[in-house]
Protein backbone atom coordinates (compact mmCIF):
# COMPACT_ATOMS: atom_id res chain seq x y z
CA UNK A 1 -0.06 0.05 0.00
CA UNK A 2 1.44 3.43 -0.95
CA UNK A 3 1.08 6.74 0.58
CA UNK A 4 -1.36 7.58 -1.89
CA UNK A 5 -3.73 4.72 -1.34
CA UNK A 6 -3.60 5.43 2.42
CA UNK A 7 -4.33 9.22 1.74
CA UNK A 8 -7.31 8.34 -0.35
CA UNK A 9 -8.66 5.74 2.59
CA UNK A 10 -8.40 8.62 5.33
CA UNK A 11 -9.97 11.04 2.99
CA UNK A 12 -12.96 8.76 2.14
CA UNK A 13 -13.24 7.74 5.96
CA UNK A 14 -13.39 11.34 6.98
CA UNK A 15 -16.12 12.14 4.54
CA UNK A 16 -18.15 8.80 5.46
CA UNK A 17 -18.05 9.93 9.03
CA UNK A 18 -18.91 13.61 8.07
CA UNK A 19 -22.02 12.37 6.08
CA UNK A 20 -23.10 10.03 9.08
CA UNK A 21 -23.05 13.02 11.41
CA UNK A 22 -25.01 15.22 9.19
CA UNK A 23 -27.61 12.69 8.68
CA UNK A 24 -27.74 12.25 12.54
CA UNK A 25 -28.12 16.17 12.76
CA UNK A 26 -30.74 16.38 10.21
CA UNK A 27 -32.91 13.89 11.90
CA UNK A 28 -32.49 15.43 15.13
CA UNK A 29 -33.41 19.12 13.67
CA UNK A 30 -36.42 17.56 12.02
CA UNK A 31 -37.56 16.11 15.13
CA UNK A 32 -36.94 19.32 17.03
CA UNK A 33 -39.03 21.27 14.31
CA UNK A 34 -41.93 18.66 14.55
CA UNK A 35 -41.94 18.82 18.24
CA UNK A 36 -42.25 22.80 18.04
CA UNK A 37 -44.80 22.76 15.47
CA UNK A 38 -47.15 20.14 17.97
CA UNK A 39 -46.55 22.32 20.73
CA UNK A 40 -47.69 25.46 18.42
CA UNK A 41 -50.78 23.75 17.29
CA UNK A 42 -51.79 22.81 20.76
CA UNK A 43 -51.10 26.20 22.38
CA UNK A 44 -52.87 28.21 19.69
């Protein structure tokens, strides 16, 4: 394995981790927005 291959592996690994964290953050944000909308509808 060369340093170039190792660099690609590291870069792809970092991108994969970043993508997973973005997906979790989006899910959490969507749940928070849904909860806020439910509270507004219930309180109005």
